[in-house]
N, C-alpha and C. Protein backbone atom coordinates (compact mmCIF):
# COMPACT_ATOMS: atom_id res chain seq x y z
N MET A 1 -53.04 -55.30 -9.57
CA MET A 1 -53.83 -54.34 -10.35
C MET A 1 -53.39 -52.91 -9.75
N ILE A 2 -53.05 -52.13 -10.90
CA ILE A 2 -52.88 -50.47 -10.53
C ILE A 2 -54.38 -49.81 -10.19
N ARG A 3 -54.53 -49.32 -9.15
CA ARG A 3 -55.80 -48.76 -9.06
C ARG A 3 -56.00 -47.16 -9.27
N ARG A 4 -54.77 -46.61 -9.00
CA ARG A 4 -54.37 -45.43 -9.23
C ARG A 4 -52.88 -45.05 -9.43
N THR A 5 -52.62 -43.91 -10.16
CA THR A 5 -51.28 -43.31 -10.13
C THR A 5 -50.86 -42.75 -8.98
N PRO A 6 -49.69 -42.61 -8.70
CA PRO A 6 -49.04 -41.79 -7.55
C PRO A 6 -49.40 -40.29 -7.69
N LYS A 7 -49.63 -39.73 -6.60
CA LYS A 7 -49.96 -38.03 -6.77
C LYS A 7 -48.56 -37.44 -6.87
N THR A 8 -47.70 -37.87 -6.19
CA THR A 8 -46.29 -37.12 -6.35
C THR A 8 -45.44 -38.31 -6.63
N LEU A 9 -44.33 -37.88 -7.52
CA LEU A 9 -43.33 -38.69 -8.02
C LEU A 9 -41.94 -38.22 -7.53
N PRO A 10 -41.04 -39.26 -7.22
CA PRO A 10 -39.75 -38.53 -7.15
C PRO A 10 -39.09 -38.06 -8.32
N GLY A 11 -38.26 -36.92 -8.01
CA GLY A 11 -37.41 -36.36 -9.26
C GLY A 11 -36.90 -37.44 -10.18
N ILE A 12 -36.63 -36.65 -11.45
CA ILE A 12 -36.11 -37.65 -12.41
C ILE A 12 -34.77 -38.10 -12.05
N GLU A 13 -33.83 -37.41 -11.47
CA GLU A 13 -32.56 -37.81 -11.11
C GLU A 13 -32.83 -39.09 -9.99
N LYS A 14 -33.50 -38.95 -9.10
CA LYS A 14 -33.72 -39.93 -8.25
C LYS A 14 -34.18 -41.10 -8.75
N MET A 15 -35.16 -41.17 -9.79
CA MET A 15 -35.56 -42.32 -10.40
C MET A 15 -34.68 -43.12 -11.33
N LEU A 16 -33.80 -42.11 -11.95
CA LEU A 16 -32.78 -42.65 -12.71
C LEU A 16 -31.75 -43.37 -12.03
N LEU A 17 -31.23 -42.62 -10.76
CA LEU A 17 -30.21 -43.29 -9.78
C LEU A 17 -30.87 -44.71 -9.44
N ALA A 18 -32.09 -44.61 -9.16
CA ALA A 18 -32.61 -46.09 -8.74
C ALA A 18 -32.49 -47.21 -9.94
N LEU A 19 -32.51 -46.75 -11.09
CA LEU A 19 -32.33 -47.59 -12.12
C LEU A 19 -30.74 -47.82 -12.65
N GLY A 20 -29.99 -47.32 -11.73
CA GLY A 20 -28.61 -47.70 -12.11
C GLY A 20 -28.06 -46.60 -13.24
N ARG A 21 -28.59 -45.26 -13.17
CA ARG A 21 -28.28 -44.21 -14.11
C ARG A 21 -27.99 -44.76 -15.42
N PRO A 22 -29.14 -45.09 -15.94
CA PRO A 22 -28.95 -45.48 -17.55
C PRO A 22 -28.64 -44.33 -18.39
N SER A 23 -28.03 -44.27 -19.45
CA SER A 23 -27.77 -43.27 -20.30
C SER A 23 -28.86 -42.61 -21.04
N ALA A 24 -28.99 -41.34 -21.31
CA ALA A 24 -29.97 -40.66 -21.96
C ALA A 24 -30.36 -41.49 -23.24
N GLU A 25 -29.31 -42.13 -23.98
CA GLU A 25 -29.76 -42.88 -25.10
C GLU A 25 -30.61 -43.97 -25.02
N ILE A 26 -30.53 -44.52 -23.72
CA ILE A 26 -31.15 -45.86 -23.48
C ILE A 26 -32.71 -45.16 -23.21
N ILE A 27 -32.83 -44.42 -22.09
CA ILE A 27 -34.04 -43.85 -21.76
C ILE A 27 -34.80 -43.37 -22.79
N GLY A 28 -34.11 -42.57 -23.85
CA GLY A 28 -34.93 -42.09 -24.93
C GLY A 28 -35.41 -43.08 -25.86
N ASP A 29 -34.53 -44.22 -26.02
CA ASP A 29 -35.12 -45.22 -26.66
C ASP A 29 -36.22 -45.85 -26.43
N VAL A 30 -36.37 -46.15 -24.81
CA VAL A 30 -37.49 -46.74 -24.27
C VAL A 30 -38.45 -45.72 -24.39
N LEU A 31 -38.38 -44.63 -24.23
CA LEU A 31 -39.51 -43.60 -24.26
C LEU A 31 -39.98 -43.04 -25.52
N ASP A 32 -39.07 -43.48 -26.54
CA ASP A 32 -39.28 -43.07 -27.87
C ASP A 32 -39.06 -41.54 -28.00
N VAL A 33 -38.05 -41.11 -27.52
CA VAL A 33 -37.97 -39.61 -27.44
C VAL A 33 -36.23 -39.43 -27.71
N SER A 34 -35.78 -38.41 -28.25
CA SER A 34 -34.36 -38.07 -28.56
C SER A 34 -33.54 -38.05 -27.07
N PRO A 35 -32.49 -38.53 -27.07
CA PRO A 35 -31.44 -38.46 -26.01
C PRO A 35 -31.53 -36.99 -25.55
N ARG A 36 -31.40 -35.89 -26.63
CA ARG A 36 -31.21 -34.62 -25.96
C ARG A 36 -32.43 -34.26 -25.35
N THR A 37 -33.78 -34.90 -25.48
CA THR A 37 -34.92 -34.33 -24.71
C THR A 37 -34.73 -34.92 -23.47
N VAL A 38 -34.18 -36.09 -23.27
CA VAL A 38 -34.07 -36.75 -21.90
C VAL A 38 -33.10 -35.78 -21.16
N LYS A 39 -31.88 -35.43 -21.72
CA LYS A 39 -30.87 -34.56 -21.03
C LYS A 39 -31.59 -33.03 -20.55
N ARG A 40 -32.37 -32.61 -21.53
CA ARG A 40 -32.94 -31.52 -21.06
C ARG A 40 -33.79 -31.66 -19.81
N TRP A 41 -34.69 -32.83 -20.01
CA TRP A 41 -35.25 -33.18 -18.64
C TRP A 41 -34.43 -33.19 -17.38
N ILE A 42 -33.45 -33.99 -17.48
CA ILE A 42 -32.64 -34.12 -16.32
C ILE A 42 -31.95 -32.77 -16.16
N ARG A 43 -31.60 -31.88 -16.96
CA ARG A 43 -30.99 -30.56 -16.52
C ARG A 43 -32.07 -29.64 -15.76
N ALA A 44 -33.25 -29.92 -16.15
CA ALA A 44 -34.65 -29.12 -15.50
C ALA A 44 -35.12 -29.66 -14.27
N GLY A 45 -34.70 -30.97 -14.08
CA GLY A 45 -34.95 -31.67 -12.81
C GLY A 45 -36.33 -32.26 -12.87
N ARG A 46 -37.21 -32.41 -14.10
CA ARG A 46 -38.37 -32.97 -14.12
C ARG A 46 -38.75 -33.26 -15.69
N ALA A 47 -39.61 -34.20 -15.57
CA ALA A 47 -39.89 -34.61 -16.99
C ALA A 47 -41.63 -34.46 -17.06
N PRO A 48 -41.90 -34.43 -18.30
CA PRO A 48 -43.58 -34.47 -18.45
C PRO A 48 -44.06 -35.55 -17.65
N ARG A 49 -45.30 -35.36 -17.18
CA ARG A 49 -45.81 -36.63 -16.20
C ARG A 49 -45.88 -37.99 -16.61
N ALA A 50 -46.34 -37.91 -18.08
CA ALA A 50 -46.36 -39.33 -18.55
C ALA A 50 -44.96 -39.87 -18.76
N ALA A 51 -43.99 -39.07 -19.07
CA ALA A 51 -42.59 -39.82 -19.03
C ALA A 51 -42.09 -40.08 -17.65
N ALA A 52 -42.45 -39.32 -16.71
CA ALA A 52 -42.00 -39.61 -15.42
C ALA A 52 -42.64 -40.74 -14.70
N LEU A 53 -44.04 -40.93 -15.35
CA LEU A 53 -44.70 -42.18 -14.65
C LEU A 53 -44.05 -43.36 -15.55
N ALA A 54 -43.92 -43.36 -16.67
CA ALA A 54 -43.04 -44.44 -17.25
C ALA A 54 -41.84 -44.85 -16.68
N ILE A 55 -41.21 -43.85 -16.18
CA ILE A 55 -39.82 -44.22 -15.65
C ILE A 55 -40.13 -44.75 -14.35
N TYR A 56 -41.08 -44.05 -13.66
CA TYR A 56 -41.35 -44.74 -12.25
C TYR A 56 -41.79 -46.00 -12.07
N TRP A 57 -42.69 -46.29 -13.18
CA TRP A 57 -42.98 -47.84 -13.07
C TRP A 57 -41.85 -48.76 -13.31
N MET A 58 -40.60 -48.44 -13.99
CA MET A 58 -39.62 -49.23 -14.06
C MET A 58 -38.74 -49.18 -12.92
N THR A 59 -39.09 -48.38 -11.94
CA THR A 59 -38.15 -48.45 -10.51
C THR A 59 -38.86 -49.59 -9.64
N HIS A 60 -37.87 -49.86 -8.53
CA HIS A 60 -38.40 -50.78 -7.70
C HIS A 60 -39.62 -50.23 -6.77
N HIS A 61 -39.83 -49.03 -6.72
CA HIS A 61 -40.82 -48.40 -5.92
C HIS A 61 -42.19 -48.49 -6.64
N GLY A 62 -42.03 -48.34 -8.18
CA GLY A 62 -43.14 -48.50 -9.13
C GLY A 62 -43.65 -49.82 -9.08
N ARG A 63 -42.65 -50.71 -9.08
CA ARG A 63 -42.83 -52.13 -9.30
C ARG A 63 -43.83 -52.75 -8.03
N SER A 64 -43.28 -52.30 -6.81
CA SER A 64 -43.96 -52.62 -5.54
C SER A 64 -45.39 -52.17 -5.44
N GLU A 65 -45.48 -51.06 -6.18
CA GLU A 65 -46.90 -50.45 -6.11
C GLU A 65 -47.84 -51.43 -6.91
N ILE A 66 -47.29 -52.06 -8.28
CA ILE A 66 -48.07 -52.99 -8.98
C ILE A 66 -48.48 -54.31 -8.24
N SER A 67 -47.73 -54.64 -7.37
CA SER A 67 -47.83 -55.95 -6.71
C SER A 67 -48.62 -56.00 -5.28
N ARG A 68 -49.08 -54.57 -4.82
CA ARG A 68 -50.10 -54.66 -3.95
C ARG A 68 -51.37 -55.13 -4.05
């Protein structure tokens, strides 16, 4: 069970790298945003916290938090 969300998150590039660098189209489809939005987040080096958390929970780091 997740008791709290992480206070700090890795950068979006690092999280996407951990996921095998999925395309902006795939991430956009999963998060229900346009690929253009995802590309903007990547260029900026950050995403809104809700989106960053959603991506984080897909990484091995996030999944390991759930199993604690």
